[in-house]
Amino acid sequence: MLDNVRQKTRQLIAAYETERMERIRLQSELAESRTQNENYRKQIIELERQIDNQKLAEAFKAGGNDNTEAKKKIDKLIKEIDRCISLMEG
């Protein structure tokens, strides 16, 4: 009977240690995800700022062939923002 209690106690301690290690791993993963999420947010803000600057520059241009090049750049930036958003959601 006493041996049975000791064996069950050992099993409980082993299960506790396993769960404790899993909790530590998950906490580390969560911290890493939060950091990555914050980096994506900063990147999105920077890309939005670049888009705003590009739009402002376009507004001051007198027109011409540069408009198509500017539109291509804006489209590229929008795609990059969409990619960042999808990474944040995933």
PDB file of N, CA and C in Angstrom:
ATOM      1  N   MET A   1       0.825  -1.198   0.000  1.00  0.00           N
ATOM      2  CA  MET A   1       0.000   0.000   0.000  1.00  0.00           C
ATOM      3  C   MET A   1       0.872   1.266   0.000  1.00  0.00           C
ATOM      4  N   LEU A   2       1.877   1.309   0.860  1.00  0.00           N
ATOM      5  CA  LEU A   2       2.759   2.463   0.925  1.00  0.00           C
ATOM      6  C   LEU A   2       3.546   2.609  -0.376  1.00  0.00           C
ATOM      7  N   ASP A   3       3.967   1.498  -0.945  1.00  0.00           N
ATOM      8  CA  ASP A   3       4.671   1.543  -2.227  1.00  0.00           C
ATOM      9  C   ASP A   3       3.759   2.085  -3.325  1.00  0.00           C
ATOM     10  N   ASN A   4       2.504   1.719  -3.271  1.00  0.00           N
ATOM     11  CA  ASN A   4       1.526   2.207  -4.254  1.00  0.00           C
ATOM     12  C   ASN A   4       1.368   3.720  -4.136  1.00  0.00           C
ATOM     13  N   VAL A   5       1.322   4.239  -2.921  1.00  0.00           N
ATOM     14  CA  VAL A   5       1.208   5.681  -2.694  1.00  0.00           C
ATOM     15  C   VAL A   5       2.456   6.382  -3.206  1.00  0.00           C
ATOM     16  N   ARG A   6       3.621   5.798  -2.949  1.00  0.00           N
ATOM     17  CA  ARG A   6       4.870   6.386  -3.423  1.00  0.00           C
ATOM     18  C   ARG A   6       4.918   6.426  -4.946  1.00  0.00           C
ATOM     19  N   GLN A   7       4.493   5.340  -5.552  1.00  0.00           N
ATOM     20  CA  GLN A   7       4.499   5.272  -7.018  1.00  0.00           C
ATOM     21  C   GLN A   7       3.551   6.316  -7.607  1.00  0.00           C
ATOM     22  N   LYS A   8       2.376   6.435  -7.037  1.00  0.00           N
ATOM     23  CA  LYS A   8       1.419   7.428  -7.529  1.00  0.00           C
ATOM     24  C   LYS A   8       1.931   8.848  -7.298  1.00  0.00           C
ATOM     25  N   THR A   9       2.616   9.072  -6.181  1.00  0.00           N
ATOM     26  CA  THR A   9       3.199  10.380  -5.904  1.00  0.00           C
ATOM     27  C   THR A   9       4.259  10.718  -6.947  1.00  0.00           C
ATOM     28  N   ARG A  10       5.105   9.747  -7.290  1.00  0.00           N
ATOM     29  CA  ARG A  10       6.110   9.958  -8.325  1.00  0.00           C
ATOM     30  C   ARG A  10       5.455  10.283  -9.670  1.00  0.00           C
ATOM     31  N   GLN A  11       4.390   9.554  -9.967  1.00  0.00           N
ATOM     32  CA  GLN A  11       3.680   9.808 -11.226  1.00  0.00           C
ATOM     33  C   GLN A  11       3.089  11.215 -11.246  1.00  0.00           C
ATOM     34  N   LEU A  12       2.536  11.626 -10.117  1.00  0.00           N
ATOM     35  CA  LEU A  12       1.983  12.978 -10.024  1.00  0.00           C
ATOM     36  C   LEU A  12       3.073  14.036 -10.180  1.00  0.00           C
ATOM     37  N   ILE A  13       4.192  13.818  -9.556  1.00  0.00           N
ATOM     38  CA  ILE A  13       5.305  14.766  -9.669  1.00  0.00           C
ATOM     39  C   ILE A  13       5.790  14.827 -11.107  1.00  0.00           C
ATOM     40  N   ALA A  14       5.916  13.688 -11.771  1.00  0.00           N
ATOM     41  CA  ALA A  14       6.354  13.652 -13.174  1.00  0.00           C
ATOM     42  C   ALA A  14       5.345  14.379 -14.065  1.00  0.00           C
ATOM     43  N   ALA A  15       4.053  14.152 -13.823  1.00  0.00           N
ATOM     44  CA  ALA A  15       3.020  14.812 -14.618  1.00  0.00           C
ATOM     45  C   ALA A  15       3.055  16.327 -14.375  1.00  0.00           C
ATOM     46  N   TYR A  16       3.270  16.720 -13.130  1.00  0.00           N
ATOM     47  CA  TYR A  16       3.366  18.135 -12.785  1.00  0.00           C
ATOM     48  C   TYR A  16       4.538  18.780 -13.517  1.00  0.00           C
ATOM     49  N   GLU A  17       5.697  18.143 -13.506  1.00  0.00           N
ATOM     50  CA  GLU A  17       6.877  18.684 -14.169  1.00  0.00           C
ATOM     51  C   GLU A  17       6.660  18.800 -15.676  1.00  0.00           C
ATOM     52  N   THR A  18       6.011  17.806 -16.257  1.00  0.00           N
ATOM     53  CA  THR A  18       5.712  17.853 -17.690  1.00  0.00           C
ATOM     54  C   THR A  18       4.815  19.039 -18.008  1.00  0.00           C
ATOM     55  N   GLU A  19       3.790  19.236 -17.230  1.00  0.00           N
ATOM     56  CA  GLU A  19       2.858  20.347 -17.449  1.00  0.00           C
ATOM     57  C   GLU A  19       3.532  21.694 -17.182  1.00  0.00           C
ATOM     58  N   ARG A  20       4.411  21.731 -16.190  1.00  0.00           N
ATOM     59  CA  ARG A  20       5.132  22.964 -15.885  1.00  0.00           C
ATOM     60  C   ARG A  20       6.042  23.353 -17.052  1.00  0.00           C
ATOM     61  N   MET A  21       6.726  22.386 -17.631  1.00  0.00           N
ATOM     62  CA  MET A  21       7.598  22.661 -18.772  1.00  0.00           C
ATOM     63  C   MET A  21       6.774  23.116 -19.984  1.00  0.00           C
ATOM     64  N   GLU A  22       5.621  22.511 -20.182  1.00  0.00           N
ATOM     65  CA  GLU A  22       4.742  22.916 -21.289  1.00  0.00           C
ATOM     66  C   GLU A  22       4.250  24.344 -21.080  1.00  0.00           C
ATOM     67  N   ARG A  23       3.921  24.694 -19.852  1.00  0.00           N
ATOM     68  CA  ARG A  23       3.470  26.054 -19.538  1.00  0.00           C
ATOM     69  C   ARG A  23       4.585  27.061 -19.825  1.00  0.00           C
ATOM     70  N   ILE A  24       5.795  26.735 -19.448  1.00  0.00           N
ATOM     71  CA  ILE A  24       6.935  27.618 -19.709  1.00  0.00           C
ATOM     72  C   ILE A  24       7.138  27.787 -21.210  1.00  0.00           C
ATOM     73  N   ARG A  25       7.043  26.689 -21.961  1.00  0.00           N
ATOM     74  CA  ARG A  25       7.195  26.752 -23.413  1.00  0.00           C
ATOM     75  C   ARG A  25       6.116  27.629 -24.035  1.00  0.00           C
ATOM     76  N   LEU A  26       4.880  27.456 -23.582  1.00  0.00           N
ATOM     77  CA  LEU A  26       3.773  28.241 -24.124  1.00  0.00           C
ATOM     78  C   LEU A  26       3.900  29.720 -23.771  1.00  0.00           C
ATOM     79  N   GLN A  27       4.374  30.022 -22.574  1.00  0.00           N
ATOM     80  CA  GLN A  27       4.582  31.417 -22.197  1.00  0.00           C
ATOM     81  C   GLN A  27       5.649  32.060 -23.075  1.00  0.00           C
ATOM     82  N   SER A  28       6.689  31.318 -23.359  1.00  0.00           N
ATOM     83  CA  SER A  28       7.750  31.832 -24.225  1.00  0.00           C
ATOM     84  C   SER A  28       7.219  32.053 -25.643  1.00  0.00           C
ATOM     85  N   GLU A  29       6.436  31.112 -26.125  1.00  0.00           N
ATOM     86  CA  GLU A  29       5.848  31.236 -27.462  1.00  0.00           C
ATOM     87  C   GLU A  29       4.908  32.436 -27.529  1.00  0.00           C
ATOM     88  N   LEU A  30       4.142  32.653 -26.480  1.00  0.00           N
ATOM     89  CA  LEU A  30       3.228  33.796 -26.429  1.00  0.00           C
ATOM     90  C   LEU A  30       4.001  35.112 -26.448  1.00  0.00           C
ATOM     91  N   ALA A  31       5.062  35.186 -25.677  1.00  0.00           N
ATOM     92  CA  ALA A  31       5.872  36.408 -25.650  1.00  0.00           C
ATOM     93  C   ALA A  31       6.472  36.674 -27.028  1.00  0.00           C
ATOM     94  N   GLU A  32       6.944  35.625 -27.683  1.00  0.00           N
ATOM     95  CA  GLU A  32       7.511  35.783 -29.023  1.00  0.00           C
ATOM     96  C   GLU A  32       6.445  36.248 -30.015  1.00  0.00           C
ATOM     97  N   SER A  33       5.249  35.693 -29.915  1.00  0.00           N
ATOM     98  CA  SER A  33       4.158  36.094 -30.806  1.00  0.00           C
ATOM     99  C   SER A  33       3.761  37.546 -30.570  1.00  0.00           C
ATOM    100  N   ARG A  34       3.752  37.961 -29.332  1.00  0.00           N
ATOM    101  CA  ARG A  34       3.413  39.356 -29.027  1.00  0.00           C
ATOM    102  C   ARG A  34       4.458  40.299 -29.608  1.00  0.00           C
ATOM    103  N   THR A  35       5.719  39.927 -29.485  1.00  0.00           N
ATOM    104  CA  THR A  35       6.790  40.743 -30.052  1.00  0.00           C
ATOM    105  C   THR A  35       6.652  40.825 -31.564  1.00  0.00           C
ATOM    106  N   GLN A  36       6.411  39.689 -32.181  1.00  0.00           N
ATOM    107  CA  GLN A  36       6.248  39.651 -33.636  1.00  0.00           C
ATOM    108  C   GLN A  36       5.039  40.482 -34.058  1.00  0.00           C
ATOM    109  N   ASN A  37       3.966  40.380 -33.319  1.00  0.00           N
ATOM    110  CA  ASN A  37       2.755  41.148 -33.610  1.00  0.00           C
ATOM    111  C   ASN A  37       3.049  42.646 -33.538  1.00  0.00           C
ATOM    112  N   GLU A  38       3.780  43.072 -32.524  1.00  0.00           N
ATOM    113  CA  GLU A  38       4.123  44.483 -32.386  1.00  0.00           C
ATOM    114  C   GLU A  38       5.007  44.945 -33.544  1.00  0.00           C
ATOM    115  N   ASN A  39       5.935  44.100 -33.949  1.00  0.00           N
ATOM    116  CA  ASN A  39       6.780  44.440 -35.100  1.00  0.00           C
ATOM    117  C   ASN A  39       5.944  44.598 -36.368  1.00  0.00           C
ATOM    118  N   TYR A  40       4.962  43.722 -36.561  1.00  0.00           N
ATOM    119  CA  TYR A  40       4.085  43.838 -37.729  1.00  0.00           C
ATOM    120  C   TYR A  40       3.273  45.128 -37.669  1.00  0.00           C
ATOM    121  N   ARG A  41       2.809  45.472 -36.489  1.00  0.00           N
ATOM    122  CA  ARG A  41       2.048  46.720 -36.343  1.00  0.00           C
ATOM    123  C   ARG A  41       2.906  47.927 -36.723  1.00  0.00           C
ATOM    124  N   LYS A  42       4.144  47.938 -36.259  1.00  0.00           N
ATOM    125  CA  LYS A  42       5.053  49.033 -36.592  1.00  0.00           C
ATOM    126  C   LYS A  42       5.317  49.077 -38.094  1.00  0.00           C
ATOM    127  N   GLN A  43       5.458  47.899 -38.684  1.00  0.00           N
ATOM    128  CA  GLN A  43       5.709  47.842 -40.122  1.00  0.00           C
ATOM    129  C   GLN A  43       4.500  48.369 -40.895  1.00  0.00           C
ATOM    130  N   ILE A  44       3.311  48.022 -40.465  1.00  0.00           N
ATOM    131  CA  ILE A  44       2.099  48.504 -41.119  1.00  0.00           C
ATOM    132  C   ILE A  44       2.008  50.027 -41.002  1.00  0.00           C
ATOM    133  N   ILE A  45       2.301  50.548 -39.828  1.00  0.00           N
ATOM    134  CA  ILE A  45       2.259  51.998 -39.633  1.00  0.00           C
ATOM    135  C   ILE A  45       3.252  52.688 -40.565  1.00  0.00           C
ATOM    136  N   GLU A  46       4.445  52.125 -40.678  1.00  0.00           N
ATOM    137  CA  GLU A  46       5.462  52.706 -41.556  1.00  0.00           C
ATOM    138  C   GLU A  46       5.012  52.633 -43.021  1.00  0.00           C
ATOM    139  N   LEU A  47       4.450  51.516 -43.409  1.00  0.00           N
ATOM    140  CA  LEU A  47       3.978  51.388 -44.790  1.00  0.00           C
ATOM    141  C   LEU A  47       2.830  52.356 -45.083  1.00  0.00           C
ATOM    142  N   GLU A  48       1.941  52.518 -44.118  1.00  0.00           N
ATOM    143  CA  GLU A  48       0.851  53.474 -44.305  1.00  0.00           C
ATOM    144  C   GLU A  48       1.396  54.899 -44.425  1.00  0.00           C
ATOM    145  N   ARG A  49       2.427  55.204 -43.658  1.00  0.00           N
ATOM    146  CA  ARG A  49       3.053  56.518 -43.745  1.00  0.00           C
ATOM    147  C   ARG A  49       3.674  56.718 -45.127  1.00  0.00           C
ATOM    148  N   GLN A  50       4.312  55.681 -45.624  1.00  0.00           N
ATOM    149  CA  GLN A  50       4.909  55.766 -46.956  1.00  0.00           C
ATOM    150  C   GLN A  50       3.838  55.967 -48.029  1.00  0.00           C
ATOM    151  N   ILE A  51       2.728  55.284 -47.869  1.00  0.00           N
ATOM    152  CA  ILE A  51       1.630  55.452 -48.828  1.00  0.00           C
ATOM    153  C   ILE A  51       1.105  56.879 -48.787  1.00  0.00           C
ATOM    154  N   ASP A  52       0.909  57.402 -47.582  1.00  0.00           N
ATOM    155  CA  ASP A  52       0.439  58.783 -47.454  1.00  0.00           C
ATOM    156  C   ASP A  52       1.412  59.764 -48.097  1.00  0.00           C
ATOM    157  N   ASN A  53       2.711  59.541 -47.874  1.00  0.00           N
ATOM    158  CA  ASN A  53       3.718  60.409 -48.494  1.00  0.00           C
ATOM    159  C   ASN A  53       3.672  60.309 -50.016  1.00  0.00           C
ATOM    160  N   GLN A  54       3.488  59.106 -50.502  1.00  0.00           N
ATOM    161  CA  GLN A  54       3.423  58.900 -51.950  1.00  0.00           C
ATOM    162  C   GLN A  54       2.192  59.590 -52.530  1.00  0.00           C
ATOM    163  N   LYS A  55       1.078  59.475 -51.850  1.00  0.00           N
ATOM    164  CA  LYS A  55      -0.139  60.129 -52.319  1.00  0.00           C
ATOM    165  C   LYS A  55       0.032  61.648 -52.322  1.00  0.00           C
ATOM    166  N   LEU A  56       0.672  62.158 -51.295  1.00  0.00           N
ATOM    167  CA  LEU A  56       0.913  63.596 -51.219  1.00  0.00           C
ATOM    168  C   LEU A  56       1.827  64.045 -52.358  1.00  0.00           C
ATOM    169  N   ALA A  57       2.855  63.269 -52.620  1.00  0.00           N
ATOM    170  CA  ALA A  57       3.767  63.600 -53.713  1.00  0.00           C
ATOM    171  C   ALA A  57       3.023  63.568 -55.047  1.00  0.00           C
ATOM    172  N   GLU A  58       2.144  62.614 -55.199  1.00  0.00           N
ATOM    173  CA  GLU A  58       1.351  62.514 -56.427  1.00  0.00           C
ATOM    174  C   GLU A  58       0.426  63.718 -56.582  1.00  0.00           C
ATOM    175  N   ALA A  59      -0.095  64.197 -55.488  1.00  0.00           N
ATOM    176  CA  ALA A  59      -1.019  65.328 -55.546  1.00  0.00           C
ATOM    177  C   ALA A  59      -0.313  66.591 -56.047  1.00  0.00           C
ATOM    178  N   PHE A  60       0.979  66.706 -55.767  1.00  0.00           N
ATOM    179  CA  PHE A  60       1.733  67.883 -56.187  1.00  0.00           C
ATOM    180  C   PHE A  60       2.336  67.744 -57.581  1.00  0.00           C
ATOM    181  N   LYS A  61       2.290  66.544 -58.109  1.00  0.00           N
ATOM    182  CA  LYS A  61       2.847  66.359 -59.454  1.00  0.00           C
ATOM    183  C   LYS A  61       1.904  66.963 -60.489  1.00  0.00           C
ATOM    184  N   ALA A  62       2.457  67.349 -61.595  1.00  0.00           N
ATOM    185  CA  ALA A  62       1.654  67.976 -62.650  1.00  0.00           C
ATOM    186  C   ALA A  62       1.081  66.945 -63.611  1.00  0.00           C
ATOM    187  N   GLY A  63       1.257  65.681 -63.358  1.00  0.00           N
ATOM    188  CA  GLY A  63       0.749  64.651 -64.262  1.00  0.00           C
ATOM    189  C   GLY A  63       1.851  64.132 -65.151  1.00  0.00           C
ATOM    190  N   GLY A  64       1.482  63.368 -66.161  1.00  0.00           N
ATOM    191  CA  GLY A  64       2.463  62.827 -67.089  1.00  0.00           C
ATOM    192  C   GLY A  64       2.656  61.337 -66.888  1.00  0.00           C
ATOM    193  N   ASN A  65       3.750  60.822 -67.411  1.00  0.00           N
ATOM    194  CA  ASN A  65       4.019  59.388 -67.372  1.00  0.00           C
ATOM    195  C   ASN A  65       4.376  58.885 -65.982  1.00  0.00           C
ATOM    196  N   ASP A  66       4.786  59.750 -65.112  1.00  0.00           N
ATOM    197  CA  ASP A  66       5.164  59.337 -63.766  1.00  0.00           C
ATOM    198  C   ASP A  66       3.971  58.817 -62.966  1.00  0.00           C
ATOM    199  N   ASN A  67       2.763  59.153 -63.376  1.00  0.00           N
ATOM    200  CA  ASN A  67       1.577  58.696 -62.654  1.00  0.00           C
ATOM    201  C   ASN A  67       1.474  57.178 -62.651  1.00  0.00           C
ATOM    202  N   THR A  68       1.739  56.557 -63.784  1.00  0.00           N
ATOM    203  CA  THR A  68       1.635  55.094 -63.831  1.00  0.00           C
ATOM    204  C   THR A  68       2.696  54.453 -62.943  1.00  0.00           C
ATOM    205  N   GLU A  69       3.876  55.008 -62.915  1.00  0.00           N
ATOM    206  CA  GLU A  69       4.938  54.473 -62.045  1.00  0.00           C
ATOM    207  C   GLU A  69       4.558  54.644 -60.578  1.00  0.00           C
ATOM    208  N   ALA A  70       3.997  55.783 -60.241  1.00  0.00           N
ATOM    209  CA  ALA A  70       3.564  56.025 -58.860  1.00  0.00           C
ATOM    210  C   ALA A  70       2.449  55.061 -58.473  1.00  0.00           C
ATOM    211  N   LYS A  71       1.526  54.819 -59.390  1.00  0.00           N
ATOM    212  CA  LYS A  71       0.433  53.874 -59.112  1.00  0.00           C
ATOM    213  C   LYS A  71       0.983  52.479 -58.871  1.00  0.00           C
ATOM    214  N   LYS A  72       1.996  52.087 -59.631  1.00  0.00           N
ATOM    215  CA  LYS A  72       2.609  50.774 -59.429  1.00  0.00           C
ATOM    216  C   LYS A  72       3.233  50.680 -58.039  1.00  0.00           C
ATOM    217  N   LYS A  73       3.892  51.750 -57.621  1.00  0.00           N
ATOM    218  CA  LYS A  73       4.506  51.758 -56.291  1.00  0.00           C
ATOM    219  C   LYS A  73       3.452  51.666 -55.192  1.00  0.00           C
ATOM    220  N   ILE A  74       2.382  52.418 -55.365  1.00  0.00           N
ATOM    221  CA  ILE A  74       1.304  52.381 -54.373  1.00  0.00           C
ATOM    222  C   ILE A  74       0.689  50.985 -54.316  1.00  0.00           C
ATOM    223  N   ASP A  75       0.457  50.388 -55.478  1.00  0.00           N
ATOM    224  CA  ASP A  75      -0.089  49.032 -55.504  1.00  0.00           C
ATOM    225  C   ASP A  75       0.838  48.053 -54.789  1.00  0.00           C
ATOM    226  N   LYS A  76       2.123  48.212 -54.996  1.00  0.00           N
ATOM    227  CA  LYS A  76       3.098  47.346 -54.344  1.00  0.00           C
ATOM    228  C   LYS A  76       3.042  47.520 -52.822  1.00  0.00           C
ATOM    229  N   LEU A  77       2.939  48.761 -52.369  1.00  0.00           N
ATOM    230  CA  LEU A  77       2.857  49.021 -50.933  1.00  0.00           C
ATOM    231  C   LEU A  77       1.570  48.458 -50.334  1.00  0.00           C
ATOM    232  N   ILE A  78       0.484  48.582 -51.054  1.00  0.00           N
ATOM    233  CA  ILE A  78      -0.789  48.040 -50.571  1.00  0.00           C
ATOM    234  C   ILE A  78      -0.705  46.523 -50.453  1.00  0.00           C
ATOM    235  N   LYS A  79      -0.098  45.878 -51.423  1.00  0.00           N
ATOM    236  CA  LYS A  79       0.075  44.422 -51.352  1.00  0.00           C
ATOM    237  C   LYS A  79       0.925  44.039 -50.149  1.00  0.00           C
ATOM    238  N   GLU A  80       1.945  44.821 -49.860  1.00  0.00           N
ATOM    239  CA  GLU A  80       2.800  44.550 -48.706  1.00  0.00           C
ATOM    240  C   GLU A  80       2.015  44.706 -47.407  1.00  0.00           C
ATOM    241  N   ILE A  81       1.173  45.718 -47.338  1.00  0.00           N
ATOM    242  CA  ILE A  81       0.324  45.903 -46.149  1.00  0.00           C
ATOM    243  C   ILE A  81      -0.630  44.725 -46.001  1.00  0.00           C
ATOM    244  N   ASP A  82      -1.252  44.323 -47.102  1.00  0.00           N
ATOM    245  CA  ASP A  82      -2.161  43.168 -47.046  1.00  0.00           C
ATOM    246  C   ASP A  82      -1.422  41.920 -46.568  1.00  0.00           C
ATOM    247  N   ARG A  83      -0.183  41.739 -47.026  1.00  0.00           N
ATOM    248  CA  ARG A  83       0.607  40.580 -46.610  1.00  0.00           C
ATOM    249  C   ARG A  83       0.875  40.646 -45.100  1.00  0.00           C
ATOM    250  N   CYS A  84       1.210  41.816 -44.614  1.00  0.00           N
ATOM    251  CA  CYS A  84       1.471  41.985 -43.188  1.00  0.00           C
ATOM    252  C   CYS A  84       0.213  41.691 -42.359  1.00  0.00           C
ATOM    253  N   ILE A  85      -0.897  42.179 -42.814  1.00  0.00           N
ATOM    254  CA  ILE A  85      -2.159  41.940 -42.104  1.00  0.00           C
ATOM    255  C   ILE A  85      -2.473  40.458 -42.070  1.00  0.00           C
ATOM    256  N   SER A  86      -2.288  39.778 -43.197  1.00  0.00           N
ATOM    257  CA  SER A  86      -2.581  38.342 -43.241  1.00  0.00           C
ATOM    258  C   SER A  86      -1.629  37.579 -42.315  1.00  0.00           C
ATOM    259  N   LEU A  87      -0.383  38.013 -42.186  1.00  0.00           N
ATOM    260  CA  LEU A  87       0.549  37.376 -41.272  1.00  0.00           C
ATOM    261  C   LEU A  87       0.123  37.583 -39.829  1.00  0.00           C
ATOM    262  N   MET A  88      -0.413  38.762 -39.531  1.00  0.00           N
ATOM    263  CA  MET A  88      -0.875  39.035 -38.171  1.00  0.00           C
ATOM    264  C   MET A  88      -2.089  38.184 -37.824  1.00  0.00           C
ATOM    265  N   GLU A  89      -2.944  37.954 -38.792  1.00  0.00           N
ATOM    266  CA  GLU A  89      -4.153  37.182 -38.551  1.00  0.00           C
ATOM    267  C   GLU A  89      -3.866  35.698 -38.463  1.00  0.00           C
ATOM    268  N   GLY A  90      -2.833  35.271 -39.154  1.00  0.00           N
ATOM    269  CA  GLY A  90      -2.506  33.840 -39.223  1.00  0.00           C
ATOM    270  C   GLY A  90      -1.737  33.394 -38.089  1.00  0.00           C
TER     271      GLY A  90
END
